[in-house]
Every structure is written in structure tokens, then in C-alpha cells.
Full PDB file with SEQRES, HELIX, SHEET, SSBOND, CRYST1, ORIGX, SCALE, CONECT and MASTER records, all heavy atoms in Angstrom:
SEQRES   1 A   43  ALA TRP PHE ARG GLN ALA PRO GLY LYS GLU ARG GLU GLY          
SEQRES   2 A   43  VAL SER CYS ILE ARG ARG SER GLY GLY HIS THR SER TYR          
SEQRES   3 A   43  SER ASP PHE LEU LYS GLY ARG PHE THR MET SER ARG ASP          
SEQRES   4 A   43  THR ALA LYS LYS                                              
SHEET    1 AA1 3 TRP A   2  ARG A   4  0                                        
SHEET    2 AA1 3 GLU A  12  SER A  20 -1                                        
SHEET    3 AA1 3 HIS A  23  ASP A  28 -1                                        
CRYST1    1.000    1.000    1.000  90.00  90.00  90.00 P 1           1          
ORIGX1      1.000000  0.000000  0.000000        0.00000                         
ORIGX2      0.000000  1.000000  0.000000        0.00000                         
ORIGX3      0.000000  0.000000  1.000000        0.00000                         
SCALE1      1.000000  0.000000  0.000000        0.00000                         
SCALE2      0.000000  1.000000  0.000000        0.00000                         
SCALE3      0.000000  0.000000  1.000000        0.00000                         
ATOM      1  N   ALA A   1     113.266 102.356  80.291  1.00  0.00           N  
ATOM      2  CA  ALA A   1     113.604 100.906  80.375  1.00  0.00           C  
ATOM      3  C   ALA A   1     112.286 100.071  80.298  1.00  0.00           C  
ATOM      4  O   ALA A   1     111.131 100.547  80.492  1.00  0.00           O  
ATOM      5  CB  ALA A   1     114.217 100.564  81.699  1.00  0.00           C  
ATOM      6  N   TRP A   2     112.451  98.831  79.835  1.00  0.00           N  
ATOM      7  CA  TRP A   2     111.445  97.838  79.839  1.00  0.00           C  
ATOM      8  C   TRP A   2     111.620  96.829  80.979  1.00  0.00           C  
ATOM      9  O   TRP A   2     112.786  96.338  81.191  1.00  0.00           O  
ATOM     10  CB  TRP A   2     111.313  97.075  78.480  1.00  0.00           C  
ATOM     11  CG  TRP A   2     110.753  97.856  77.451  1.00  0.00           C  
ATOM     12  CD1 TRP A   2     111.397  98.488  76.401  1.00  0.00           C  
ATOM     13  CD2 TRP A   2     109.368  97.998  77.142  1.00  0.00           C  
ATOM     14  NE1 TRP A   2     110.514  99.085  75.531  1.00  0.00           N  
ATOM     15  CE2 TRP A   2     109.273  98.865  75.938  1.00  0.00           C  
ATOM     16  CE3 TRP A   2     108.205  97.624  77.723  1.00  0.00           C  
ATOM     17  CZ2 TRP A   2     107.978  99.227  75.363  1.00  0.00           C  
ATOM     18  CZ3 TRP A   2     106.990  97.940  77.154  1.00  0.00           C  
ATOM     19  CH2 TRP A   2     106.913  98.809  75.956  1.00  0.00           C  
ATOM     20  N   PHE A   3     110.465  96.507  81.652  1.00  0.00           N  
ATOM     21  CA  PHE A   3     110.531  95.527  82.708  1.00  0.00           C  
ATOM     22  C   PHE A   3     109.533  94.464  82.416  1.00  0.00           C  
ATOM     23  O   PHE A   3     108.504  94.676  81.626  1.00  0.00           O  
ATOM     24  CB  PHE A   3     110.357  96.058  84.128  1.00  0.00           C  
ATOM     25  CG  PHE A   3     111.447  96.939  84.601  1.00  0.00           C  
ATOM     26  CD1 PHE A   3     111.454  98.320  84.243  1.00  0.00           C  
ATOM     27  CD2 PHE A   3     112.417  96.426  85.485  1.00  0.00           C  
ATOM     28  CE1 PHE A   3     112.433  99.191  84.736  1.00  0.00           C  
ATOM     29  CE2 PHE A   3     113.372  97.329  85.947  1.00  0.00           C  
ATOM     30  CZ  PHE A   3     113.456  98.627  85.595  1.00  0.00           C  
ATOM     31  N   ARG A   4     109.591  93.238  82.987  1.00  0.00           N  
ATOM     32  CA  ARG A   4     108.539  92.272  82.894  1.00  0.00           C  
ATOM     33  C   ARG A   4     108.423  91.601  84.215  1.00  0.00           C  
ATOM     34  O   ARG A   4     109.294  91.545  85.042  1.00  0.00           O  
ATOM     35  CB  ARG A   4     108.820  91.305  81.791  1.00  0.00           C  
ATOM     36  CG  ARG A   4     109.959  90.280  82.054  1.00  0.00           C  
ATOM     37  CD  ARG A   4     109.987  89.321  80.917  1.00  0.00           C  
ATOM     38  NE  ARG A   4     111.061  88.301  81.235  1.00  0.00           N  
ATOM     39  CZ  ARG A   4     111.351  87.287  80.416  1.00  0.00           C  
ATOM     40  NH1 ARG A   4     110.715  87.200  79.212  1.00  0.00           N  
ATOM     41  NH2 ARG A   4     112.260  86.436  80.716  1.00  0.00           N  
ATOM     42  N   GLN A   5     107.124  91.111  84.421  1.00  0.00           N  
ATOM     43  CA  GLN A   5     106.845  90.344  85.695  1.00  0.00           C  
ATOM     44  C   GLN A   5     105.850  89.190  85.310  1.00  0.00           C  
ATOM     45  O   GLN A   5     104.757  89.541  84.989  1.00  0.00           O  
ATOM     46  CB  GLN A   5     106.252  91.251  86.868  1.00  0.00           C  
ATOM     47  CG  GLN A   5     106.164  90.536  88.121  1.00  0.00           C  
ATOM     48  CD  GLN A   5     105.876  91.505  89.238  1.00  0.00           C  
ATOM     49  OE1 GLN A   5     105.461  92.658  89.056  1.00  0.00           O  
ATOM     50  NE2 GLN A   5     106.144  91.017  90.520  1.00  0.00           N  
ATOM     51  N   ALA A   6     106.313  88.047  85.600  1.00  0.00           N  
ATOM     52  CA  ALA A   6     105.589  86.871  85.430  1.00  0.00           C  
ATOM     53  C   ALA A   6     104.809  86.481  86.696  1.00  0.00           C  
ATOM     54  O   ALA A   6     105.243  86.856  87.831  1.00  0.00           O  
ATOM     55  CB  ALA A   6     106.417  85.637  84.886  1.00  0.00           C  
ATOM     56  N   PRO A   7     103.715  85.728  86.643  1.00  0.00           N  
ATOM     57  CA  PRO A   7     102.952  85.332  87.913  1.00  0.00           C  
ATOM     58  C   PRO A   7     103.891  84.608  88.871  1.00  0.00           C  
ATOM     59  O   PRO A   7     104.582  83.686  88.466  1.00  0.00           O  
ATOM     60  CB  PRO A   7     101.860  84.495  87.424  1.00  0.00           C  
ATOM     61  CG  PRO A   7     101.648  84.897  86.062  1.00  0.00           C  
ATOM     62  CD  PRO A   7     102.992  85.368  85.494  1.00  0.00           C  
ATOM     63  N   GLY A   8     103.933  85.068  90.065  1.00  0.00           N  
ATOM     64  CA  GLY A   8     104.741  84.412  91.124  1.00  0.00           C  
ATOM     65  C   GLY A   8     106.230  84.708  91.066  1.00  0.00           C  
ATOM     66  O   GLY A   8     106.976  84.132  91.869  1.00  0.00           O  
ATOM     67  N   LYS A   9     106.625  85.625  90.265  1.00  0.00           N  
ATOM     68  CA  LYS A   9     108.014  85.922  90.059  1.00  0.00           C  
ATOM     69  C   LYS A   9     108.283  87.381  90.343  1.00  0.00           C  
ATOM     70  O   LYS A   9     107.386  88.198  90.271  1.00  0.00           O  
ATOM     71  CB  LYS A   9     108.534  85.551  88.738  1.00  0.00           C  
ATOM     72  CG  LYS A   9     108.568  84.007  88.363  1.00  0.00           C  
ATOM     73  CD  LYS A   9     109.121  83.695  87.154  1.00  0.00           C  
ATOM     74  CE  LYS A   9     109.143  82.226  86.807  1.00  0.00           C  
ATOM     75  NZ  LYS A   9     109.825  81.938  85.500  1.00  0.00           N  
ATOM     76  N   GLU A  10     109.544  87.816  90.619  1.00  0.00           N  
ATOM     77  CA  GLU A  10     109.911  89.147  90.772  1.00  0.00           C  
ATOM     78  C   GLU A  10     109.982  89.828  89.505  1.00  0.00           C  
ATOM     79  O   GLU A  10     110.225  89.262  88.439  1.00  0.00           O  
ATOM     80  CB  GLU A  10     111.365  89.164  91.406  1.00  0.00           C  
ATOM     81  CG  GLU A  10     111.404  88.541  92.807  1.00  0.00           C  
ATOM     82  CD  GLU A  10     110.923  89.416  93.825  1.00  0.00           C  
ATOM     83  OE1 GLU A  10     110.794  90.609  93.665  1.00  0.00           O  
ATOM     84  OE2 GLU A  10     110.476  88.931  94.951  1.00  0.00           O  
ATOM     85  N   ARG A  11     109.856  91.158  89.529  1.00  0.00           N  
ATOM     86  CA  ARG A  11     109.938  91.973  88.352  1.00  0.00           C  
ATOM     87  C   ARG A  11     111.415  91.955  87.888  1.00  0.00           C  
ATOM     88  O   ARG A  11     112.345  92.102  88.771  1.00  0.00           O  
ATOM     89  CB  ARG A  11     109.473  93.410  88.591  1.00  0.00           C  
ATOM     90  CG  ARG A  11     109.658  94.375  87.409  1.00  0.00           C  
ATOM     91  CD  ARG A  11     109.196  95.765  87.781  1.00  0.00           C  
ATOM     92  NE  ARG A  11     107.741  95.888  87.827  1.00  0.00           N  
ATOM     93  CZ  ARG A  11     107.042  96.182  88.984  1.00  0.00           C  
ATOM     94  NH1 ARG A  11     107.725  96.525  90.100  1.00  0.00           N  
ATOM     95  NH2 ARG A  11     105.768  96.294  88.902  1.00  0.00           N  
ATOM     96  N   GLU A  12     111.682  91.886  86.596  1.00  0.00           N  
ATOM     97  CA  GLU A  12     113.044  91.827  86.156  1.00  0.00           C  
ATOM     98  C   GLU A  12     113.233  92.782  85.009  1.00  0.00           C  
ATOM     99  O   GLU A  12     112.287  93.068  84.225  1.00  0.00           O  
ATOM    100  CB  GLU A  12     113.474  90.425  85.735  1.00  0.00           C  
ATOM    101  CG  GLU A  12     112.622  89.889  84.605  1.00  0.00           C  
ATOM    102  CD  GLU A  12     113.124  88.476  84.100  1.00  0.00           C  
ATOM    103  OE1 GLU A  12     114.160  88.113  84.509  1.00  0.00           O  
ATOM    104  OE2 GLU A  12     112.360  87.793  83.439  1.00  0.00           O  
ATOM    105  N   GLY A  13     114.353  93.430  84.937  1.00  0.00           N  
ATOM    106  CA  GLY A  13     114.788  94.305  83.894  1.00  0.00           C  
ATOM    107  C   GLY A  13     114.960  93.553  82.520  1.00  0.00           C  
ATOM    108  O   GLY A  13     115.622  92.494  82.541  1.00  0.00           O  
ATOM    109  N   VAL A  14     114.477  94.086  81.439  1.00  0.00           N  
ATOM    110  CA  VAL A  14     114.661  93.451  80.126  1.00  0.00           C  
ATOM    111  C   VAL A  14     115.622  94.290  79.255  1.00  0.00           C  
ATOM    112  O   VAL A  14     116.553  93.637  78.782  1.00  0.00           O  
ATOM    113  CB  VAL A  14     113.263  93.466  79.440  1.00  0.00           C  
ATOM    114  CG1 VAL A  14     113.433  92.955  77.960  1.00  0.00           C  
ATOM    115  CG2 VAL A  14     112.270  92.634  80.189  1.00  0.00           C  
ATOM    116  N   SER A  15     115.482  95.526  79.149  1.00  0.00           N  
ATOM    117  CA  SER A  15     116.375  96.356  78.395  1.00  0.00           C  
ATOM    118  C   SER A  15     116.254  97.811  78.815  1.00  0.00           C  
ATOM    119  O   SER A  15     115.302  98.145  79.519  1.00  0.00           O  
ATOM    120  CB  SER A  15     116.169  96.193  76.833  1.00  0.00           C  
ATOM    121  OG  SER A  15     114.848  96.571  76.489  1.00  0.00           O  
ATOM    122  N   CYS A  16     117.204  98.619  78.369  1.00  0.00           N  
ATOM    123  CA  CYS A  16     117.290  99.968  78.781  1.00  0.00           C  
ATOM    124  C   CYS A  16     118.016 100.959  77.810  1.00  0.00           C  
ATOM    125  O   CYS A  16     118.874 100.488  77.066  1.00  0.00           O  
ATOM    126  CB  CYS A  16     118.082  99.993  80.132  1.00  0.00           C  
ATOM    127  SG  CYS A  16     118.369 101.635  80.900  1.00  0.00           S  
ATOM    128  N   ILE A  17     117.565 102.178  77.722  1.00  0.00           N  
ATOM    129  CA  ILE A  17     118.177 103.201  76.921  1.00  0.00           C  
ATOM    130  C   ILE A  17     118.572 104.289  77.914  1.00  0.00           C  
ATOM    131  O   ILE A  17     117.742 104.810  78.652  1.00  0.00           O  
ATOM    132  CB  ILE A  17     117.295 103.783  75.886  1.00  0.00           C  
ATOM    133  CG1 ILE A  17     117.030 102.641  74.862  1.00  0.00           C  
ATOM    134  CG2 ILE A  17     117.964 104.966  75.206  1.00  0.00           C  
ATOM    135  CD1 ILE A  17     116.072 103.005  73.660  1.00  0.00           C  
ATOM    136  N   ARG A  18     119.802 104.636  77.859  1.00  0.00           N  
ATOM    137  CA  ARG A  18     120.351 105.754  78.684  1.00  0.00           C  
ATOM    138  C   ARG A  18     120.861 106.853  77.816  1.00  0.00           C  
ATOM    139  O   ARG A  18     121.720 106.620  76.900  1.00  0.00           O  
ATOM    140  CB  ARG A  18     121.398 105.236  79.689  1.00  0.00           C  
ATOM    141  CG  ARG A  18     120.951 104.128  80.581  1.00  0.00           C  
ATOM    142  CD  ARG A  18     122.101 103.525  81.431  1.00  0.00           C  
ATOM    143  NE  ARG A  18     123.000 102.818  80.427  1.00  0.00           N  
ATOM    144  CZ  ARG A  18     124.308 103.032  80.505  1.00  0.00           C  
ATOM    145  NH1 ARG A  18     124.962 103.909  81.277  1.00  0.00           N  
ATOM    146  NH2 ARG A  18     125.081 102.268  79.688  1.00  0.00           N  
ATOM    147  N   ARG A  19     120.386 108.094  78.127  1.00  0.00           N  
ATOM    148  CA  ARG A  19     120.802 109.297  77.193  1.00  0.00           C  
ATOM    149  C   ARG A  19     121.228 110.490  78.043  1.00  0.00           C  
ATOM    150  O   ARG A  19     120.453 110.718  78.981  1.00  0.00           O  
ATOM    151  CB  ARG A  19     119.660 109.556  76.330  1.00  0.00           C  
ATOM    152  CG  ARG A  19     119.887 110.703  75.526  1.00  0.00           C  
ATOM    153  CD  ARG A  19     118.709 111.071  74.480  1.00  0.00           C  
ATOM    154  NE  ARG A  19     118.901 112.302  73.821  1.00  0.00           N  
ATOM    155  CZ  ARG A  19     119.672 112.530  72.755  1.00  0.00           C  
ATOM    156  NH1 ARG A  19     120.383 111.493  72.207  1.00  0.00           N  
ATOM    157  NH2 ARG A  19     119.875 113.739  72.219  1.00  0.00           N  
ATOM    158  N   SER A  20     122.274 110.997  77.648  1.00  0.00           N  
ATOM    159  CA  SER A  20     122.720 112.295  78.191  1.00  0.00           C  
ATOM    160  C   SER A  20     123.800 112.932  77.310  1.00  0.00           C  
ATOM    161  O   SER A  20     124.599 112.270  76.657  1.00  0.00           O  
ATOM    162  CB  SER A  20     123.297 112.196  79.597  1.00  0.00           C  
ATOM    163  OG  SER A  20     124.511 111.434  79.640  1.00  0.00           O  
ATOM    164  N   GLY A  21     123.775 114.331  77.277  1.00  0.00           N  
ATOM    165  CA  GLY A  21     124.814 115.006  76.428  1.00  0.00           C  
ATOM    166  C   GLY A  21     124.850 114.574  74.994  1.00  0.00           C  
ATOM    167  O   GLY A  21     125.915 114.612  74.335  1.00  0.00           O  
ATOM    168  N   GLY A  22     123.708 114.192  74.436  1.00  0.00           N  
ATOM    169  CA  GLY A  22     123.605 113.768  73.070  1.00  0.00           C  
ATOM    170  C   GLY A  22     124.092 112.349  72.762  1.00  0.00           C  
ATOM    171  O   GLY A  22     124.150 111.975  71.621  1.00  0.00           O  
ATOM    172  N   HIS A  23     124.465 111.616  73.806  1.00  0.00           N  
ATOM    173  CA  HIS A  23     124.959 110.287  73.695  1.00  0.00           C  
ATOM    174  C   HIS A  23     123.924 109.260  74.157  1.00  0.00           C  
ATOM    175  O   HIS A  23     123.339 109.542  75.277  1.00  0.00           O  
ATOM    176  CB  HIS A  23     126.225 110.086  74.378  1.00  0.00           C  
ATOM    177  CG  HIS A  23     126.815 108.761  74.338  1.00  0.00           C  
ATOM    178  ND1 HIS A  23     127.272 108.166  73.257  1.00  0.00           N  
ATOM    179  CD2 HIS A  23     126.937 107.694  75.279  1.00  0.00           C  
ATOM    180  CE1 HIS A  23     127.659 106.867  73.397  1.00  0.00           C  
ATOM    181  NE2 HIS A  23     127.485 106.642  74.722  1.00  0.00           N  
ATOM    182  N   THR A  24     123.621 108.261  73.420  1.00  0.00           N  
ATOM    183  CA  THR A  24     122.659 107.310  73.802  1.00  0.00           C  
ATOM    184  C   THR A  24     123.241 105.892  73.852  1.00  0.00           C  
ATOM    185  O   THR A  24     124.034 105.470  72.913  1.00  0.00           O  
ATOM    186  CB  THR A  24     121.560 107.227  72.716  1.00  0.00           C  
ATOM    187  OG1 THR A  24     120.962 108.501  72.571  1.00  0.00           O  
ATOM    188  CG2 THR A  24     120.516 106.238  73.140  1.00  0.00           C  
ATOM    189  N   SER A  25     123.023 105.128  74.922  1.00  0.00           N  
ATOM    190  CA  SER A  25     123.521 103.854  75.277  1.00  0.00           C  
ATOM    191  C   SER A  25     122.435 102.877  75.296  1.00  0.00           C  
ATOM    192  O   SER A  25     121.237 103.263  75.936  1.00  0.00           O  
ATOM    193  CB  SER A  25     124.387 103.769  76.516  1.00  0.00           C  
ATOM    194  OG  SER A  25     125.478 104.627  76.365  1.00  0.00           O  
ATOM    195  N   TYR A  26     122.579 101.583  74.816  1.00  0.00           N  
ATOM    196  CA  TYR A  26     121.566 100.551  74.890  1.00  0.00           C  
ATOM    197  C   TYR A  26     122.118  99.366  75.736  1.00  0.00           C  
ATOM    198  O   TYR A  26     123.286  99.033  75.613  1.00  0.00           O  
ATOM    199  CB  TYR A  26     121.209 100.052  73.441  1.00  0.00           C  
ATOM    200  CG  TYR A  26     120.507 101.148  72.622  1.00  0.00           C  
ATOM    201  CD1 TYR A  26     121.292 102.102  72.006  1.00  0.00           C  
ATOM    202  CD2 TYR A  26     119.153 101.088  72.446  1.00  0.00           C  
ATOM    203  CE1 TYR A  26     120.663 103.095  71.218  1.00  0.00           C  
ATOM    204  CE2 TYR A  26     118.542 102.101  71.626  1.00  0.00           C  
ATOM    205  CZ  TYR A  26     119.352 103.057  71.003  1.00  0.00           C  
ATOM    206  OH  TYR A  26     118.668 103.979  70.202  1.00  0.00           O  
ATOM    207  N   SER A  27     121.198  98.870  76.507  1.00  0.00           N  
ATOM    208  CA  SER A  27     121.612  97.657  77.335  1.00  0.00           C  
ATOM    209  C   SER A  27     120.467  96.540  77.159  1.00  0.00           C  
ATOM    210  O   SER A  27     119.375  96.822  77.215  1.00  0.00           O  
ATOM    211  CB  SER A  27     121.681  98.040  78.809  1.00  0.00           C  
ATOM    212  OG  SER A  27     122.693  99.037  79.017  1.00  0.00           O  
ATOM    213  N   ASP A  28     121.011  95.305  77.108  1.00  0.00           N  
ATOM    214  CA  ASP A  28     120.205  94.180  76.978  1.00  0.00           C  
ATOM    215  C   ASP A  28     120.485  93.236  78.103  1.00  0.00           C  
ATOM    216  O   ASP A  28     121.736  92.781  78.240  1.00  0.00           O  
ATOM    217  CB  ASP A  28     120.426  93.471  75.646  1.00  0.00           C  
ATOM    218  CG  ASP A  28     119.693  92.171  75.449  1.00  0.00           C  
ATOM    219  OD1 ASP A  28     118.813  91.857  76.269  1.00  0.00           O  
ATOM    220  OD2 ASP A  28     120.031  91.431  74.555  1.00  0.00           O  
ATOM    221  N   PHE A  29     119.575  92.878  78.996  1.00  0.00           N  
ATOM    222  CA  PHE A  29     119.833  92.037  80.203  1.00  0.00           C  
ATOM    223  C   PHE A  29     119.342  90.654  80.077  1.00  0.00           C  
ATOM    224  O   PHE A  29     119.587  89.863  81.017  1.00  0.00           O  
ATOM    225  CB  PHE A  29     119.106  92.771  81.396  1.00  0.00           C  
ATOM    226  CG  PHE A  29     119.626  94.186  81.608  1.00  0.00           C  
ATOM    227  CD1 PHE A  29     118.769  95.273  81.442  1.00  0.00           C  
ATOM    228  CD2 PHE A  29     120.914  94.414  81.918  1.00  0.00           C  
ATOM    229  CE1 PHE A  29     119.260  96.554  81.700  1.00  0.00           C  
ATOM    230  CE2 PHE A  29     121.405  95.779  82.267  1.00  0.00           C  
ATOM    231  CZ  PHE A  29     120.528  96.795  82.099  1.00  0.00           C  
ATOM    232  N   LEU A  30     118.807  90.276  78.959  1.00  0.00           N  
ATOM    233  CA  LEU A  30     118.234  88.874  78.835  1.00  0.00           C  
ATOM    234  C   LEU A  30     118.732  88.243  77.549  1.00  0.00           C  
ATOM    235  O   LEU A  30     117.971  87.726  76.666  1.00  0.00           O  
ATOM    236  CB  LEU A  30     116.699  88.935  78.861  1.00  0.00           C  
ATOM    237  CG  LEU A  30     116.069  89.419  80.183  1.00  0.00           C  
ATOM    238  CD1 LEU A  30     114.515  89.511  80.096  1.00  0.00           C  
ATOM    239  CD2 LEU A  30     116.500  88.469  81.293  1.00  0.00           C  
ATOM    240  N   LYS A  31     120.015  88.048  77.509  1.00  0.00           N  
ATOM    241  CA  LYS A  31     120.628  87.155  76.577  1.00  0.00           C  
ATOM    242  C   LYS A  31     120.403  87.412  75.116  1.00  0.00           C  
ATOM    243  O   LYS A  31     120.381  86.440  74.321  1.00  0.00           O  
ATOM    244  CB  LYS A  31     120.397  85.662  76.973  1.00  0.00           C  
ATOM    245  CG  LYS A  31     120.692  85.375  78.311  1.00  0.00           C  
ATOM    246  CD  LYS A  31     120.338  83.872  78.677  1.00  0.00           C  
ATOM    247  CE  LYS A  31     120.613  83.513  80.093  1.00  0.00           C  
ATOM    248  NZ  LYS A  31     120.270  82.120  80.461  1.00  0.00           N  
ATOM    249  N   GLY A  32     120.205  88.622  74.737  1.00  0.00           N  
ATOM    250  CA  GLY A  32     120.076  88.937  73.332  1.00  0.00           C  
ATOM    251  C   GLY A  32     118.694  88.566  72.692  1.00  0.00           C  
ATOM    252  O   GLY A  32     118.528  88.541  71.483  1.00  0.00           O  
ATOM    253  N   ARG A  33     117.699  88.287  73.526  1.00  0.00           N  
ATOM    254  CA  ARG A  33     116.358  87.804  72.975  1.00  0.00           C  
ATOM    255  C   ARG A  33     115.363  88.989  72.767  1.00  0.00           C  
ATOM    256  O   ARG A  33     114.287  88.699  72.302  1.00  0.00           O  
ATOM    257  CB  ARG A  33     115.798  86.770  73.939  1.00  0.00           C  
ATOM    258  CG  ARG A  33     116.608  85.485  74.025  1.00  0.00           C  
ATOM    259  CD  ARG A  33     116.000  84.391  74.862  1.00  0.00           C  
ATOM    260  NE  ARG A  33     114.716  83.928  74.187  1.00  0.00           N  
ATOM    261  CZ  ARG A  33     113.528  84.274  74.666  1.00  0.00           C  
ATOM    262  NH1 ARG A  33     113.293  84.965  75.733  1.00  0.00           N  
ATOM    263  NH2 ARG A  33     112.424  83.804  74.056  1.00  0.00           N  
ATOM    264  N   PHE A  34     115.818  90.163  73.096  1.00  0.00           N  
ATOM    265  CA  PHE A  34     115.001  91.328  72.900  1.00  0.00           C  
ATOM    266  C   PHE A  34     115.785  92.436  72.240  1.00  0.00           C  
ATOM    267  O   PHE A  34     117.088  92.501  72.421  1.00  0.00           O  
ATOM    268  CB  PHE A  34     114.527  91.880  74.295  1.00  0.00           C  
ATOM    269  CG  PHE A  34     113.751  90.919  75.102  1.00  0.00           C  
ATOM    270  CD1 PHE A  34     114.320  89.956  75.839  1.00  0.00           C  
ATOM    271  CD2 PHE A  34     112.366  91.002  75.071  1.00  0.00           C  
ATOM    272  CE1 PHE A  34     113.584  89.032  76.627  1.00  0.00           C  
ATOM    273  CE2 PHE A  34     111.623  90.118  75.840  1.00  0.00           C  
ATOM    274  CZ  PHE A  34     112.220  89.206  76.539  1.00  0.00           C  
ATOM    275  N   THR A  35     115.205  93.284  71.437  1.00  0.00           N  
ATOM    276  CA  THR A  35     115.822  94.312  70.865  1.00  0.00           C  
ATOM    277  C   THR A  35     115.053  95.684  71.097  1.00  0.00           C  
ATOM    278  O   THR A  35     113.797  95.771  70.705  1.00  0.00           O  
ATOM    279  CB  THR A  35     115.863  94.235  69.309  1.00  0.00           C  
ATOM    280  OG1 THR A  35     116.700  93.064  68.942  1.00  0.00           O  
ATOM    281  CG2 THR A  35     116.572  95.482  68.691  1.00  0.00           C  
ATOM    282  N   MET A  36     115.620  96.591  71.830  1.00  0.00           N  
ATOM    283  CA  MET A  36     114.980  97.795  72.156  1.00  0.00           C  
ATOM    284  C   MET A  36     115.456  98.935  71.240  1.00  0.00           C  
ATOM    285  O   MET A  36     116.622  98.995  70.931  1.00  0.00           O  
ATOM    286  CB  MET A  36     115.270  98.254  73.551  1.00  0.00           C  
ATOM    287  CG  MET A  36     114.490  99.506  74.100  1.00  0.00           C  
ATOM    288  SD  MET A  36     114.842  99.816  75.931  1.00  0.00           S  
ATOM    289  CE  MET A  36     113.851 101.197  76.142  1.00  0.00           C  
ATOM    290  N   SER A  37     114.489  99.750  70.714  1.00  0.00           N  
ATOM    291  CA  SER A  37     114.882 100.796  69.820  1.00  0.00           C  
ATOM    292  C   SER A  37     114.137 102.138  70.171  1.00  0.00           C  
ATOM    293  O   SER A  37     113.144 102.026  70.970  1.00  0.00           O  
ATOM    294  CB  SER A  37     114.586 100.390  68.411  1.00  0.00           C  
ATOM    295  OG  SER A  37     113.219 100.098  68.248  1.00  0.00           O  
ATOM    296  N   ARG A  38     114.553 103.167  69.575  1.00  0.00           N  
ATOM    297  CA  ARG A  38     113.915 104.542  69.870  1.00  0.00           C  
ATOM    298  C   ARG A  38     113.712 105.320  68.574  1.00  0.00           C  
ATOM    299  O   ARG A  38     114.544 105.312  67.671  1.00  0.00           O  
ATOM    300  CB  ARG A  38     114.853 105.244  70.898  1.00  0.00           C  
ATOM    301  CG  ARG A  38     114.430 106.735  71.075  1.00  0.00           C  
ATOM    302  CD  ARG A  38     115.348 107.230  72.186  1.00  0.00           C  
ATOM    303  NE  ARG A  38     115.038 108.705  72.392  1.00  0.00           N  
ATOM    304  CZ  ARG A  38     115.764 109.739  72.042  1.00  0.00           C  
ATOM    305  NH1 ARG A  38     116.916 109.530  71.423  1.00  0.00           N  
ATOM    306  NH2 ARG A  38     115.410 110.973  72.383  1.00  0.00           N  
ATOM    307  N   ASP A  39     112.526 105.982  68.438  1.00  0.00           N  
ATOM    308  CA  ASP A  39     112.243 106.831  67.391  1.00  0.00           C  
ATOM    309  C   ASP A  39     112.212 108.213  68.068  1.00  0.00           C  
ATOM    310  O   ASP A  39     111.286 108.648  68.690  1.00  0.00           O  
ATOM    311  CB  ASP A  39     110.844 106.581  66.763  1.00  0.00           C  
ATOM    312  CG  ASP A  39     110.550 107.344  65.501  1.00  0.00           C  
ATOM    313  OD1 ASP A  39     110.918 108.457  65.576  1.00  0.00           O  
ATOM    314  OD2 ASP A  39     109.944 106.748  64.640  1.00  0.00           O  
ATOM    315  N   THR A  40     113.189 108.991  67.783  1.00  0.00           N  
ATOM    316  CA  THR A  40     113.405 110.322  68.367  1.00  0.00           C  
ATOM    317  C   THR A  40     112.287 111.300  67.967  1.00  0.00           C  
ATOM    318  O   THR A  40     111.753 111.999  68.803  1.00  0.00           O  
ATOM    319  CB  THR A  40     114.804 110.882  67.991  1.00  0.00           C  
ATOM    320  OG1 THR A  40     115.777 110.063  68.443  1.00  0.00           O  
ATOM    321  CG2 THR A  40     114.922 112.261  68.660  1.00  0.00           C  
ATOM    322  N   ALA A  41     111.933 111.299  66.730  1.00  0.00           N  
ATOM    323  CA  ALA A  41     110.938 112.242  66.274  1.00  0.00           C  
ATOM    324  C   ALA A  41     109.541 111.943  66.851  1.00  0.00           C  
ATOM    325  O   ALA A  41     108.832 112.818  67.211  1.00  0.00           O  
ATOM    326  CB  ALA A  41     110.838 112.191  64.753  1.00  0.00           C  
ATOM    327  N   LYS A  42     109.250 110.724  67.034  1.00  0.00           N  
ATOM    328  CA  LYS A  42     107.962 110.346  67.503  1.00  0.00           C  
ATOM    329  C   LYS A  42     107.921 110.174  69.132  1.00  0.00           C  
ATOM    330  O   LYS A  42     106.838 110.086  69.666  1.00  0.00           O  
ATOM    331  CB  LYS A  42     107.454 109.016  66.949  1.00  0.00           C  
ATOM    332  CG  LYS A  42     107.089 109.057  65.469  1.00  0.00           C  
ATOM    333  CD  LYS A  42     106.653 107.712  64.999  1.00  0.00           C  
ATOM    334  CE  LYS A  42     106.301 107.731  63.552  1.00  0.00           C  
ATOM    335  NZ  LYS A  42     105.767 106.391  63.049  1.00  0.00           N  
ATOM    336  N   LYS A  43     109.105 110.305  69.735  1.00  0.00           N  
ATOM    337  CA  LYS A  43     109.182 110.125  71.154  1.00  0.00           C  
ATOM    338  C   LYS A  43     108.654 108.844  71.537  1.00  0.00           C  
ATOM    339  O   LYS A  43     107.722 108.726  72.387  1.00  0.00           O  
ATOM    340  CB  LYS A  43     108.645 111.304  71.859  1.00  0.00           C  
ATOM    341  CG  LYS A  43     109.341 112.595  71.616  1.00  0.00           C  
ATOM    342  CD  LYS A  43     108.874 113.792  72.504  1.00  0.00           C  
ATOM    343  CE  LYS A  43     109.485 113.653  73.852  1.00  0.00           C  
ATOM    344  NZ  LYS A  43     109.127 114.879  74.719  1.00  0.00           N  
TER     345      LYS A  43                                                      
MASTER        0    0    0    0    3    0    0    6  344    1    0    4          
END                                                                             
């Protein structure tokens, strides 16, 4: 996952990748303003 923390604010989750059993799920927690991706070969 990616998190961010601005001065004087709590750390907040930005996006997340969850993987098990060959299945991968993506989550976006900040209104579609971020795109998380994964390169399997490069890890």
C-alpha cells in the first residue's frame, strides 16, 4: 500500500494492492486521483 502524511495531519491510506491465490485486487481511497500499478517481473 501507499500512505501519505502531511504536516500536522494524520497518516492516511492512498491506495492498495491485495494479492493471494493468483488473484490481485486494487483499491483507491482518495476519489480516483491516484493510480497504483504493479510490475510483476520487476517486483
